[in-house]
C-alpha atoms as a PDB file:
ATOM      1  CA  MET A   1     -45.099 -17.567  39.763  1.00  0.00           C
ATOM      2  CA  ASN A   2     -41.866 -18.677  41.360  1.00  0.00           C
ATOM      3  CA  SER A   3     -40.037 -15.556  42.732  1.00  0.00           C
ATOM      4  CA  THR A   4     -36.966 -16.405  41.548  1.00  0.00           C
ATOM      5  CA  LEU A   5     -38.003 -16.892  37.932  1.00  0.00           C
ATOM      6  CA  GLY A   6     -39.924 -13.604  38.538  1.00  0.00           C
ATOM      7  CA  PHE A   7     -36.775 -11.564  39.328  1.00  0.00           C
ATOM      8  CA  ARG A   8     -34.656 -12.890  36.608  1.00  0.00           C
ATOM      9  CA  SER A   9     -37.331 -12.464  34.030  1.00  0.00           C
ATOM     10  CA  SER A  10     -38.217  -8.719  35.214  1.00  0.00           C
ATOM     11  CA  LEU A  11     -34.146  -8.038  35.201  1.00  0.00           C
ATOM     12  CA  LEU A  12     -33.768  -9.314  31.818  1.00  0.00           C
ATOM     13  CA  ARG A  13     -37.002  -7.589  30.530  1.00  0.00           C
ATOM     14  CA  CYS A  14     -36.050  -4.427  32.029  1.00  0.00           C
ATOM     15  CA  ALA A  15     -32.688  -4.621  30.821  1.00  0.00           C
ATOM     16  CA  ARG A  16     -33.770  -5.107  27.112  1.00  0.00           C
ATOM     17  CA  LEU A  17     -36.390  -2.180  27.435  1.00  0.00           C
ATOM     18  CA  MET A  18     -33.618   0.204  28.473  1.00  0.00           C
ATOM     19  CA  SER A  19     -31.138  -1.002  25.980  1.00  0.00           C
ATOM     20  CA  ASP A  20     -33.949  -0.633  23.259  1.00  0.00           C
ATOM     21  CA  GLU A  21     -34.440   2.949  24.680  1.00  0.00           C
ATOM     22  CA  ILE A  22     -31.007   4.042  24.912  1.00  0.00           C
ATOM     23  CA  ASN A  23     -30.795   2.585  21.285  1.00  0.00           C
ATOM     24  CA  THR A  24     -33.588   4.929  20.158  1.00  0.00           C
ATOM     25  CA  ILE A  25     -31.737   7.749  21.668  1.00  0.00           C
ATOM     26  CA  LEU A  26     -28.551   7.146  19.987  1.00  0.00           C
ATOM     27  CA  LEU A  27     -30.058   6.442  16.755  1.00  0.00           C
ATOM     28  CA  PRO A  28     -29.570  10.219  15.452  1.00  0.00           C
ATOM     29  CA  TYR A  29     -25.858   9.955  16.359  1.00  0.00           C
ATOM     30  CA  GLN A  30     -25.503   6.796  14.278  1.00  0.00           C
ATOM     31  CA  LEU A  31     -24.687   4.918  17.608  1.00  0.00           C
ATOM     32  CA  ASN A  32     -26.083   2.025  19.107  1.00  0.00           C
ATOM     33  CA  TYR A  33     -25.687   0.932  22.677  1.00  0.00           C
ATOM     34  CA  SER A  34     -23.134  -1.621  22.067  1.00  0.00           C
ATOM     35  CA  LEU A  35     -20.865   0.971  20.672  1.00  0.00           C
ATOM     36  CA  TRP A  36     -22.018   3.519  23.571  1.00  0.00           C
ATOM     37  CA  GLN A  37     -20.896   0.764  25.817  1.00  0.00           C
ATOM     38  CA  VAL A  38     -17.280   0.721  24.279  1.00  0.00           C
ATOM     39  CA  MET A  39     -17.336   4.702  24.562  1.00  0.00           C
ATOM     40  CA  PHE A  40     -18.591   4.586  28.161  1.00  0.00           C
ATOM     41  CA  VAL A  41     -15.670   2.344  29.324  1.00  0.00           C
ATOM     42  CA  ILE A  42     -13.013   4.208  27.508  1.00  0.00           C
ATOM     43  CA  ARG A  43     -14.467   7.441  29.119  1.00  0.00           C
ATOM     44  CA  GLU A  44     -14.363   5.903  32.396  1.00  0.00           C
ATOM     45  CA  LYS A  45     -10.838   4.623  32.412  1.00  0.00           C
ATOM     46  CA  THR A  46      -9.504   7.862  30.306  1.00  0.00           C
ATOM     47  CA  ALA A  47      -7.747   5.291  27.960  1.00  0.00           C
ATOM     48  CA  CYS A  48      -7.631   1.606  27.787  1.00  0.00           C
ATOM     49  CA  THR A  49      -6.856  -1.456  25.220  1.00  0.00           C
ATOM     50  CA  SER A  50      -9.307  -3.800  23.898  1.00  0.00           C
ATOM     51  CA  ILE A  51      -8.786  -6.399  26.417  1.00  0.00           C
ATOM     52  CA  GLU A  52      -9.615  -4.308  29.155  1.00  0.00           C
ATOM     53  CA  MET A  53     -12.860  -3.101  27.348  1.00  0.00           C
ATOM     54  CA  ALA A  54     -13.702  -7.001  26.906  1.00  0.00           C
ATOM     55  CA  GLU A  55     -13.310  -7.899  30.403  1.00  0.00           C
ATOM     56  CA  TYR A  56     -15.289  -4.773  31.766  1.00  0.00           C
ATOM     57  CA  LEU A  57     -18.017  -5.634  29.400  1.00  0.00           C
ATOM     58  CA  ASN A  58     -17.913  -9.082  30.054  1.00  0.00           C
ATOM     59  CA  VAL A  59     -17.821  -9.760  26.292  1.00  0.00           C
ATOM     60  CA  SER A  60     -15.538 -11.185  23.534  1.00  0.00           C
ATOM     61  CA  LYS A  61     -12.437  -9.415  22.078  1.00  0.00           C
ATOM     62  CA  PRO A  62     -13.414  -9.992  18.794  1.00  0.00           C
ATOM     63  CA  SER A  63     -16.972  -8.129  19.412  1.00  0.00           C
ATOM     64  CA  ILE A  64     -14.823  -5.391  20.895  1.00  0.00           C
ATOM     65  CA  THR A  65     -12.580  -5.241  17.993  1.00  0.00           C
ATOM     66  CA  LYS A  66     -15.665  -4.612  15.524  1.00  0.00           C
ATOM     67  CA  ARG A  67     -16.905  -2.052  17.731  1.00  0.00           C
ATOM     68  CA  VAL A  68     -13.516  -0.128  17.796  1.00  0.00           C
ATOM     69  CA  LYS A  69     -13.269  -0.226  14.128  1.00  0.00           C
ATOM     70  CA  ILE A  70     -16.646   1.204  13.658  1.00  0.00           C
ATOM     71  CA  LEU A  71     -15.817   3.947  16.292  1.00  0.00           C
ATOM     72  CA  ALA A  72     -12.319   4.510  14.766  1.00  0.00           C
ATOM     73  CA  GLN A  73     -14.142   5.067  11.466  1.00  0.00           C
ATOM     74  CA  MET A  74     -16.381   7.788  12.820  1.00  0.00           C
ATOM     75  CA  ASP A  75     -13.322   9.651  14.210  1.00  0.00           C
ATOM     76  CA  ILE A  76     -14.847   9.092  17.864  1.00  0.00           C
ATOM     77  CA  LEU A  77     -11.475   7.109  18.970  1.00  0.00           C
ATOM     78  CA  SER A  78      -7.915   8.086  19.086  1.00  0.00           C
ATOM     79  CA  HIS A  79      -4.746   5.881  19.598  1.00  0.00           C
ATOM     80  CA  VAL A  80      -2.596   6.598  22.631  1.00  0.00           C
ATOM     81  CA  GLN A  81       1.215   5.996  22.372  1.00  0.00           C
ATOM     82  CA  THR A  82       2.394   3.410  25.091  1.00  0.00           C
ATOM     83  CA  ASP A  83       6.013   1.855  25.463  1.00  0.00           C
ATOM     84  CA  ASP A  84       4.603  -1.499  24.531  1.00  0.00           C
ATOM     85  CA  LYS A  85       4.268  -1.570  20.910  1.00  0.00           C
ATOM     86  CA  ARG A  86       2.156  -4.782  20.778  1.00  0.00           C
ATOM     87  CA  GLN A  87      -0.506  -2.798  23.370  1.00  0.00           C
ATOM     88  CA  LYS A  88      -2.962  -0.443  21.605  1.00  0.00           C
ATOM     89  CA  LYS A  89      -4.413   1.863  23.818  1.00  0.00           C
ATOM     90  CA  MET A  90      -7.500   4.182  22.880  1.00  0.00           C
ATOM     91  CA  MET A  91      -9.002   7.223  23.804  1.00  0.00           C
ATOM     92  CA  LEU A  92     -11.996   9.441  22.967  1.00  0.00           C
ATOM     93  CA  SER A  93     -10.703  11.953  20.507  1.00  0.00           C
ATOM     94  CA  GLU A  94     -12.170  15.711  20.914  1.00  0.00           C
ATOM     95  CA  THR A  95     -15.345  14.705  18.531  1.00  0.00           C
ATOM     96  CA  GLY A  96     -15.950  11.481  20.632  1.00  0.00           C
ATOM     97  CA  ARG A  97     -15.827  13.641  23.975  1.00  0.00           C
ATOM     98  CA  GLU A  98     -18.193  16.142  22.689  1.00  0.00           C
ATOM     99  CA  LEU A  99     -20.581  13.285  21.394  1.00  0.00           C
ATOM    100  CA  PHE A 100     -20.189  11.208  24.393  1.00  0.00           C
ATOM    101  CA  GLN A 101     -21.496  14.405  26.460  1.00  0.00           C
ATOM    102  CA  GLN A 102     -24.207  14.911  24.115  1.00  0.00           C
ATOM    103  CA  CYS A 103     -25.472  11.462  24.257  1.00  0.00           C
ATOM    104  CA  ALA A 104     -24.769  11.334  28.137  1.00  0.00           C
ATOM    105  CA  LYS A 105     -27.085  14.258  28.542  1.00  0.00           C
ATOM    106  CA  ASP A 106     -30.074  12.765  26.506  1.00  0.00           C
ATOM    107  CA  ILE A 107     -29.445   9.270  28.378  1.00  0.00           C
ATOM    108  CA  ASP A 108     -29.604  10.994  31.633  1.00  0.00           C
ATOM    109  CA  ALA A 109     -32.850  13.110  30.804  1.00  0.00           C
ATOM    110  CA  PHE A 110     -34.452   9.935  29.939  1.00  0.00           C
ATOM    111  CA  GLU A 111     -33.221   8.102  32.989  1.00  0.00           C
ATOM    112  CA  GLN A 112     -34.634  11.078  35.087  1.00  0.00           C
ATOM    113  CA  ARG A 113     -37.888  11.170  33.164  1.00  0.00           C
ATOM    114  CA  LEU A 114     -38.144   7.420  33.687  1.00  0.00           C
ATOM    115  CA  ILE A 115     -37.699   7.234  37.378  1.00  0.00           C
ATOM    116  CA  ALA A 116     -39.474  10.695  38.387  1.00  0.00           C
ATOM    117  CA  PRO A 117     -42.519   9.110  39.443  1.00  0.00           C
ATOM    118  CA  LEU A 118     -40.479   6.838  41.950  1.00  0.00           C
ATOM    119  CA  ALA A 119     -39.900   7.518  45.553  1.00  0.00           C
ATOM    120  CA  SER A 120     -36.175   8.403  46.361  1.00  0.00           C
ATOM    121  CA  GLN A 121     -36.150   5.461  49.072  1.00  0.00           C
ATOM    122  CA  ASP A 122     -37.412   3.159  46.419  1.00  0.00           C
ATOM    123  CA  ILE A 123     -34.907   4.083  43.955  1.00  0.00           C
ATOM    124  CA  GLN A 124     -31.943   4.040  46.465  1.00  0.00           C
ATOM    125  CA  HIS A 125     -33.268   0.541  47.642  1.00  0.00           C
ATOM    126  CA  SER A 126     -33.437  -1.056  44.140  1.00  0.00           C
ATOM    127  CA  ILE A 127     -30.029   0.430  43.398  1.00  0.00           C
ATOM    128  CA  HIS A 128     -28.459  -1.410  46.670  1.00  0.00           C
ATOM    129  CA  ILE A 129     -30.437  -4.845  45.791  1.00  0.00           C
ATOM    130  CA  LEU A 130     -28.881  -4.502  42.000  1.00  0.00           C
ATOM    131  CA  HIS A 131     -25.375  -3.871  43.655  1.00  0.00           C
ATOM    132  CA  ARG A 132     -25.830  -6.876  45.960  1.00  0.00           C
ATOM    133  CA  VAL A 133     -26.835  -9.177  43.273  1.00  0.00           C
ATOM    134  CA  MET A 134     -24.163  -7.979  40.943  1.00  0.00           C
ATOM    135  CA  GLN A 135     -21.602  -8.675  44.062  1.00  0.00           C
ATOM    136  CA  GLU A 136     -23.272 -12.205  44.059  1.00  0.00           C
ATOM    137  CA  LEU A 137     -22.721 -12.787  40.345  1.00  0.00           C
ATOM    138  CA  GLU A 138     -19.073 -11.504  40.428  1.00  0.00           C
ATOM    139  CA  GLN A 139     -18.187 -13.521  43.604  1.00  0.00           C
ATOM    140  CA  ASN A 140     -19.954 -16.708  42.350  1.00  0.00           C
ATOM    141  CA  THR A 141     -19.522 -17.795  38.789  1.00  0.00           C
ATOM    142  CA  VAL A 142     -21.798 -20.396  37.158  1.00  0.00           C
ATOM    143  CA  GLY A 143     -18.753 -22.630  37.288  1.00  0.00           C
ATOM    144  CA  ASP A 144     -18.950 -22.882  40.719  1.00  0.00           C
ATOM    145  CA  ASP A 145     -22.367 -23.696  41.252  1.00  0.00           C
ATOM    146  CA  HIS A 146     -21.787 -26.913  39.279  1.00  0.00           C
ATOM    147  CA  ALA A 147     -18.981 -27.624  41.635  1.00  0.00           C
ATOM    148  CA  ARG A 148     -21.640 -27.757  44.455  1.00  0.00           C
END
């Protein structure tokens, strides 16, 4: 098997299996992985706009708008007053913060069970490799490849 294709296939398959398992964990909370990602970004940034979320997650603004609408209906988000009335910043509501904490605890427990059989140095090495791959992806867009 071509090692380049093997790496890509393995990475994509792993990401898919991981997101499927996270979906299962989040189901009792009426959430899914894409909604969780929005909550995660808002939590990381404390408060942010839909555009900031879309850029962070590398998805379209309409897909973020849909997710934000669902989370707002669940009373997970609240709007933050800004000087610029055109800019709508959101943050997690009290309910959203509590839900985030519970879900994060469940997801962290899953992750710990998943990596428990692995050696610590293997985990650290894998993290290092993934960070290097992410850096390469961030520095070299597909458009750049076509210009070469």
